[in-house]
Amino acid sequence: MHRTVLAALALLFLTAPLTALMIAPTPIPDRLALADAVVVGKIVSIEDKTVSAKRFPGDPNKSEFKVALIQIDDPLYGAKGLTRVRLGFVPPPPQVQPNPGKPVIGGGINRFPQLNHAVGQEACFFLKKHADGDFYVAPMYFDVIDKKVAGFDKEIAQVKQCAKLLENPAASLQAKNADERLLTAAMMLTRYRTPPAGVQNPKTEALSAEQSKLLLAALASADWSKRIDGTQVSPQMVFFRLNLTAKDGWTQPKNGQEIPAAAQKWLKDNADKYRVQRFVP
């Protein structure tokens, strides 16, 4: 899903009734692929002054951001050499309950307590550089994994696995393990094929022939009968991120059961000539 849409939905969630539905968390590989930095750390202070800035590109209004200072314990991705980072956030509105016994209006604090950052909070933060502010943001509720939640260590292990693959994507796309090749391709295509937030009619450019071939080969050699354990990543899902059309020689079978075989054939037939398109940052 487009990150601008996700950011807009986040604003909706912060003011939605408690009974409202919540979108499912984005898989960790996708979160990592779209993050500028991922760190495990502790909030050690909140700056006294707020910063006036837009919440996301295209936001017609500015909001007052509080800024938390995160002491980094483990720079998992994109934060090598850093010991601290600044995290901007807009506190959720307080709950309002005009009629005791009836549903609460608002619900931001209880629904997303990890987004109302406070000194002492320890968590894994998926960070994105703010468009025009000198700080990072973690806009979605699933961009913060609190250390207190069940399964924290398991999720961090997956983050570390994905981060290691992205350290040298060219090598990872040629790894002996097929799941590692597919997971790397999934993250790279998420990064390349997600339009930049707030940009109307974003431009695209072709990847190098070598990198395109590695990505297509990783997809073609994957096991199309399953997803990667512990993720929502499947070869077919990753293939559709290419957004192929008839101009690319792709015609999707009407029978869904025929898609895997047709897709694998297209990948093998076009590995040497198709150039994967990426959105220009």
Protein backbone atom coordinates (compact mmCIF):
# COMPACT_ATOMS: atom_id res chain seq x y z
CA MET A 1 0.00 0.00 0.00
CA HIS A 2 1.20 3.53 -0.82
CA ARG A 3 2.89 5.07 2.24
CA THR A 4 0.98 8.33 1.75
CA VAL A 5 -2.27 6.40 2.02
CA LEU A 6 -0.95 4.62 5.10
CA ALA A 7 -0.01 7.91 6.71
CA ALA A 8 -3.45 9.33 6.03
CA LEU A 9 -5.04 6.21 7.49
CA ALA A 10 -2.89 6.65 10.58
CA LEU A 11 -4.52 10.02 11.20
CA LEU A 12 -7.91 8.39 10.88
CA PHE A 13 -6.99 5.66 13.34
CA LEU A 14 -5.93 8.17 15.96
CA THR A 15 -9.45 9.60 16.05
CA ALA A 16 -11.45 6.44 15.30
CA PRO A 17 -13.82 4.80 17.80
CA LEU A 18 -12.45 1.82 19.67
CA THR A 19 -14.85 -0.42 17.80
CA ALA A 20 -13.35 0.54 14.43
CA LEU A 21 -11.39 -2.01 12.46
CA MET A 22 -7.58 -1.77 12.33
CA ILE A 23 -5.59 -2.60 9.22
CA ALA A 24 -3.25 -5.56 9.55
CA PRO A 25 0.43 -4.78 10.13
CA THR A 26 2.62 -4.56 7.05
CA PRO A 27 4.99 -7.57 6.93
CA ILE A 28 8.38 -6.90 8.49
CA PRO A 29 10.27 -7.31 5.15
CA ASP A 30 8.14 -4.53 3.63
CA ARG A 31 8.57 -2.30 6.68
CA LEU A 32 12.32 -2.71 6.49
CA ALA A 33 12.44 -2.13 2.73
CA LEU A 34 10.66 1.21 3.08
CA ALA A 35 12.50 2.41 6.19
CA ASP A 36 15.49 4.74 6.18
CA ALA A 37 16.66 3.32 9.51
CA VAL A 38 15.60 0.65 11.99
CA VAL A 39 16.87 0.77 15.54
CA VAL A 40 16.23 -0.80 18.92
CA GLY A 41 16.58 1.78 21.63
CA LYS A 42 15.20 3.72 24.54
CA ILE A 43 13.63 7.16 24.64
CA VAL A 44 15.77 9.16 27.08
CA SER A 45 14.20 12.61 26.74
CA ILE A 46 11.48 14.70 25.10
CA GLU A 47 12.51 18.13 23.80
CA ASP A 48 10.75 21.10 25.40
CA LYS A 49 9.98 22.90 22.13
CA THR A 50 7.67 21.46 19.49
CA VAL A 51 8.36 21.62 15.75
CA SER A 52 5.73 22.86 13.30
CA ALA A 53 5.63 20.65 10.18
CA LYS A 54 3.33 18.70 7.89
CA ARG A 55 2.58 15.18 9.01
CA PHE A 56 3.14 13.78 5.52
CA PRO A 57 3.75 15.12 1.97
CA GLY A 58 0.55 16.61 0.63
CA ASP A 59 -0.87 17.42 4.06
CA PRO A 60 -2.62 20.80 3.68
CA ASN A 61 -1.93 21.79 7.28
CA LYS A 62 0.95 21.78 9.71
CA SER A 63 0.96 20.13 13.12
CA GLU A 64 3.03 20.55 16.24
CA PHE A 65 5.49 17.67 16.54
CA LYS A 66 7.01 16.69 19.83
CA VAL A 67 10.55 15.37 19.43
CA ALA A 68 11.83 12.38 21.38
CA LEU A 69 15.50 11.48 21.64
CA ILE A 70 16.20 7.77 21.18
CA GLN A 71 19.35 6.30 22.68
CA ILE A 72 20.28 3.51 20.23
CA ASP A 73 21.08 0.13 21.73
CA ASP A 74 21.15 -1.81 18.46
CA PRO A 75 21.39 -0.09 15.04
CA LEU A 76 19.71 -2.83 13.04
CA TYR A 77 19.61 -1.07 9.68
CA GLY A 78 20.66 2.26 8.18
CA ALA A 79 22.02 3.65 11.44
CA LYS A 80 25.60 2.44 11.54
CA GLY A 81 27.74 4.75 13.64
CA LEU A 82 24.76 6.56 15.19
CA THR A 83 24.20 6.57 18.93
CA ARG A 84 21.06 8.71 19.04
CA VAL A 85 18.27 9.77 16.68
CA ARG A 86 15.44 12.29 16.95
CA LEU A 87 11.90 10.96 16.57
CA GLY A 88 9.10 13.41 15.79
CA PHE A 89 5.52 12.55 16.67
CA VAL A 90 2.13 14.18 17.11
CA PRO A 91 0.52 12.89 20.32
CA PRO A 92 -2.90 11.29 19.77
CA PRO A 93 -5.89 13.28 21.04
CA PRO A 94 -7.20 12.50 24.52
CA GLN A 95 -10.20 10.25 24.87
CA VAL A 96 -13.56 11.89 25.32
CA GLN A 97 -16.40 10.10 27.08
CA PRO A 98 -19.33 12.50 27.42
CA ASN A 99 -21.74 9.70 28.27
CA PRO A 100 -20.41 7.17 30.80
CA GLY A 101 -21.20 3.62 29.85
CA LYS A 102 -21.29 4.35 26.12
CA PRO A 103 -18.48 3.82 23.56
CA VAL A 104 -15.51 6.14 23.92
CA ILE A 105 -14.99 8.75 21.20
CA GLY A 106 -11.37 9.08 20.07
CA GLY A 107 -9.38 6.23 21.53
CA GLY A 108 -5.95 7.25 20.27
CA ILE A 109 -4.16 6.65 23.55
CA ASN A 110 -5.47 3.17 24.24
CA ARG A 111 -5.48 2.05 20.63
CA PHE A 112 -1.94 3.16 19.83
CA PRO A 113 -0.08 3.70 23.13
CA GLN A 114 3.28 3.16 21.41
CA LEU A 115 2.70 6.30 19.30
CA ASN A 116 2.30 8.52 22.36
CA HIS A 117 6.00 8.32 23.10
CA ALA A 118 7.32 8.86 26.60
CA VAL A 119 10.67 8.82 28.38
CA GLY A 120 11.67 5.28 29.26
CA GLN A 121 9.91 3.61 26.33
CA GLU A 122 12.00 0.78 24.87
CA ALA A 123 11.14 -0.48 21.42
CA CYS A 124 12.18 -1.27 17.88
CA PHE A 125 11.53 1.78 15.69
CA PHE A 126 11.10 1.65 11.89
CA LEU A 127 12.11 5.19 10.98
CA LYS A 128 11.52 7.34 7.93
CA LYS A 129 13.18 10.72 7.44
CA HIS A 130 10.61 13.49 7.68
CA ALA A 131 10.14 15.30 4.38
CA ASP A 132 11.10 18.75 5.67
CA GLY A 133 11.83 18.35 9.38
CA ASP A 134 15.19 17.55 10.96
CA PHE A 135 13.96 14.31 12.51
CA TYR A 136 12.62 10.85 11.74
CA VAL A 137 9.03 9.66 12.03
CA ALA A 138 7.38 6.30 12.67
CA PRO A 139 3.84 7.13 11.47
CA MET A 140 2.06 3.78 11.59
CA TYR A 141 1.19 1.85 14.73
CA PHE A 142 3.18 -1.14 13.47
CA ASP A 143 6.29 1.00 12.90
CA VAL A 144 6.95 0.70 16.64
CA ILE A 145 7.36 -2.72 18.28
CA ASP A 146 7.39 -2.25 22.03
CA LYS A 147 9.80 -4.48 23.96
CA LYS A 148 6.96 -5.47 26.27
CA VAL A 149 4.88 -7.17 23.57
CA ALA A 150 4.87 -10.93 23.26
CA GLY A 151 7.09 -12.25 20.50
CA PHE A 152 9.40 -9.22 20.46
CA ASP A 153 12.60 -11.30 20.23
CA LYS A 154 11.16 -13.37 17.37
CA GLU A 155 10.25 -10.25 15.39
CA ILE A 156 13.67 -8.69 15.97
CA ALA A 157 15.31 -11.89 14.73
CA GLN A 158 13.37 -11.50 11.48
CA VAL A 159 14.36 -7.83 11.22
CA LYS A 160 18.02 -8.80 11.61
CA GLN A 161 17.68 -11.52 8.96
CA CYS A 162 16.14 -9.07 6.48
CA ALA A 163 18.67 -6.35 7.29
CA LYS A 164 21.55 -8.74 6.66
CA LEU A 165 20.14 -9.60 3.23
CA LEU A 166 19.87 -5.92 2.31
CA GLU A 167 23.48 -5.21 3.30
CA ASN A 168 24.59 -6.75 0.00
CA PRO A 169 21.50 -7.33 -2.15
CA ALA A 170 23.46 -8.45 -5.22
CA ALA A 171 25.03 -11.28 -3.22
CA SER A 172 21.75 -12.11 -1.48
CA LEU A 173 19.95 -12.43 -4.82
CA GLN A 174 22.47 -15.18 -5.66
CA ALA A 175 22.40 -16.94 -2.28
CA LYS A 176 22.22 -20.74 -2.21
CA ASN A 177 18.97 -20.63 -0.23
CA ALA A 178 15.95 -19.99 -2.50
CA ASP A 179 13.94 -18.34 0.30
CA GLU A 180 16.76 -15.85 0.91
CA ARG A 181 16.83 -15.00 -2.80
CA LEU A 182 13.05 -14.51 -2.86
CA LEU A 183 13.00 -12.46 0.35
CA THR A 184 15.69 -10.16 -1.04
CA ALA A 185 13.79 -9.76 -4.31
CA ALA A 186 10.60 -9.00 -2.37
CA MET A 187 12.26 -6.23 -0.38
CA MET A 188 14.03 -4.73 -3.38
CA LEU A 189 10.84 -4.65 -5.45
CA THR A 190 8.89 -3.16 -2.55
CA ARG A 191 11.47 -0.38 -2.41
CA TYR A 192 11.67 0.13 -6.16
CA ARG A 193 7.97 -0.21 -6.95
CA THR A 194 6.48 1.93 -4.17
CA PRO A 195 5.74 5.44 -5.51
CA PRO A 196 7.36 8.31 -3.59
CA ALA A 197 4.90 9.91 -1.19
CA GLY A 198 3.28 13.18 -2.23
CA VAL A 199 4.60 13.12 -5.82
CA GLN A 200 2.08 13.48 -8.62
CA ASN A 201 2.82 11.32 -11.68
CA PRO A 202 6.19 10.09 -10.38
CA LYS A 203 8.83 9.27 -12.95
CA THR A 204 10.35 5.84 -13.43
CA GLU A 205 13.72 4.62 -14.64
CA ALA A 206 15.06 1.22 -15.63
CA LEU A 207 17.39 -0.79 -13.41
CA SER A 208 20.59 -2.11 -14.88
CA ALA A 209 20.27 -5.22 -17.01
CA GLU A 210 22.35 -7.16 -14.48
CA GLN A 211 20.21 -6.26 -11.47
CA SER A 212 16.98 -6.85 -13.38
CA LYS A 213 18.18 -10.30 -14.39
CA LEU A 214 19.09 -11.19 -10.79
CA LEU A 215 15.65 -10.10 -9.54
CA LEU A 216 13.79 -12.05 -12.21
CA ALA A 217 15.99 -15.13 -11.69
CA ALA A 218 15.31 -15.07 -7.94
CA LEU A 219 11.59 -15.06 -8.66
CA ALA A 220 11.77 -17.76 -11.33
CA SER A 221 13.74 -20.15 -9.10
CA ALA A 222 11.48 -19.74 -6.04
CA ASP A 223 9.07 -22.38 -4.78
CA TRP A 224 5.73 -21.11 -6.06
CA SER A 225 3.77 -23.58 -3.95
CA LYS A 226 4.33 -21.77 -0.63
CA ARG A 227 5.01 -18.59 1.26
CA ILE A 228 8.19 -17.97 3.20
CA ASP A 229 7.68 -19.12 6.78
CA GLY A 230 6.90 -16.31 9.22
CA THR A 231 6.13 -13.77 6.48
CA GLN A 232 3.41 -13.03 3.96
CA VAL A 233 5.92 -13.19 1.11
CA SER A 234 5.05 -15.46 -1.82
CA PRO A 235 6.53 -15.57 -5.34
CA GLN A 236 3.21 -14.64 -6.94
CA MET A 237 2.75 -11.62 -4.68
CA VAL A 238 6.26 -10.41 -5.51
CA PHE A 239 5.74 -11.05 -9.24
CA PHE A 240 2.66 -8.82 -9.28
CA ARG A 241 4.77 -5.96 -7.93
CA LEU A 242 6.35 -5.74 -11.38
CA ASN A 243 2.97 -4.47 -12.63
CA LEU A 244 3.45 -6.03 -16.04
CA THR A 245 1.15 -5.29 -18.98
CA ALA A 246 0.56 -6.59 -22.49
CA LYS A 247 3.35 -4.26 -23.66
CA ASP A 248 5.72 -6.38 -21.60
CA GLY A 249 4.42 -9.57 -23.19
CA TRP A 250 2.39 -10.55 -20.13
CA THR A 251 -1.22 -11.70 -20.34
CA GLN A 252 -2.62 -12.91 -17.05
CA PRO A 253 -4.50 -16.22 -17.29
CA LYS A 254 -8.17 -15.99 -16.36
CA ASN A 255 -7.80 -19.20 -14.40
CA GLY A 256 -5.92 -18.25 -11.24
CA GLN A 257 -4.42 -21.73 -10.90
CA GLU A 258 -2.57 -21.19 -14.17
CA ILE A 259 -0.84 -17.99 -13.03
CA PRO A 260 2.24 -19.58 -11.35
CA ALA A 261 3.23 -21.59 -14.42
CA ALA A 262 2.56 -18.66 -16.77
CA ALA A 263 4.51 -16.27 -14.56
CA GLN A 264 7.51 -18.59 -14.29
CA LYS A 265 7.54 -19.03 -18.06
CA TRP A 266 7.45 -15.24 -18.57
CA LEU A 267 10.31 -14.80 -16.09
CA LYS A 268 12.50 -17.34 -17.86
CA ASP A 269 11.66 -16.02 -21.35
CA ASN A 270 12.32 -12.38 -20.40
CA ALA A 271 15.21 -12.61 -17.93
CA ASP A 272 17.73 -11.41 -20.52
CA LYS A 273 15.66 -8.61 -22.04
CA TYR A 274 13.24 -7.11 -19.51
CA ARG A 275 14.39 -4.16 -17.40
CA VAL A 276 12.67 -3.71 -14.04
CA GLN A 277 11.33 -0.18 -13.63
CA ARG A 278 11.84 1.76 -10.39
CA PHE A 279 10.20 4.94 -9.24
CA VAL A 280 12.65 7.82 -9.12
CA PRO A 281 13.12 8.87 -5.46
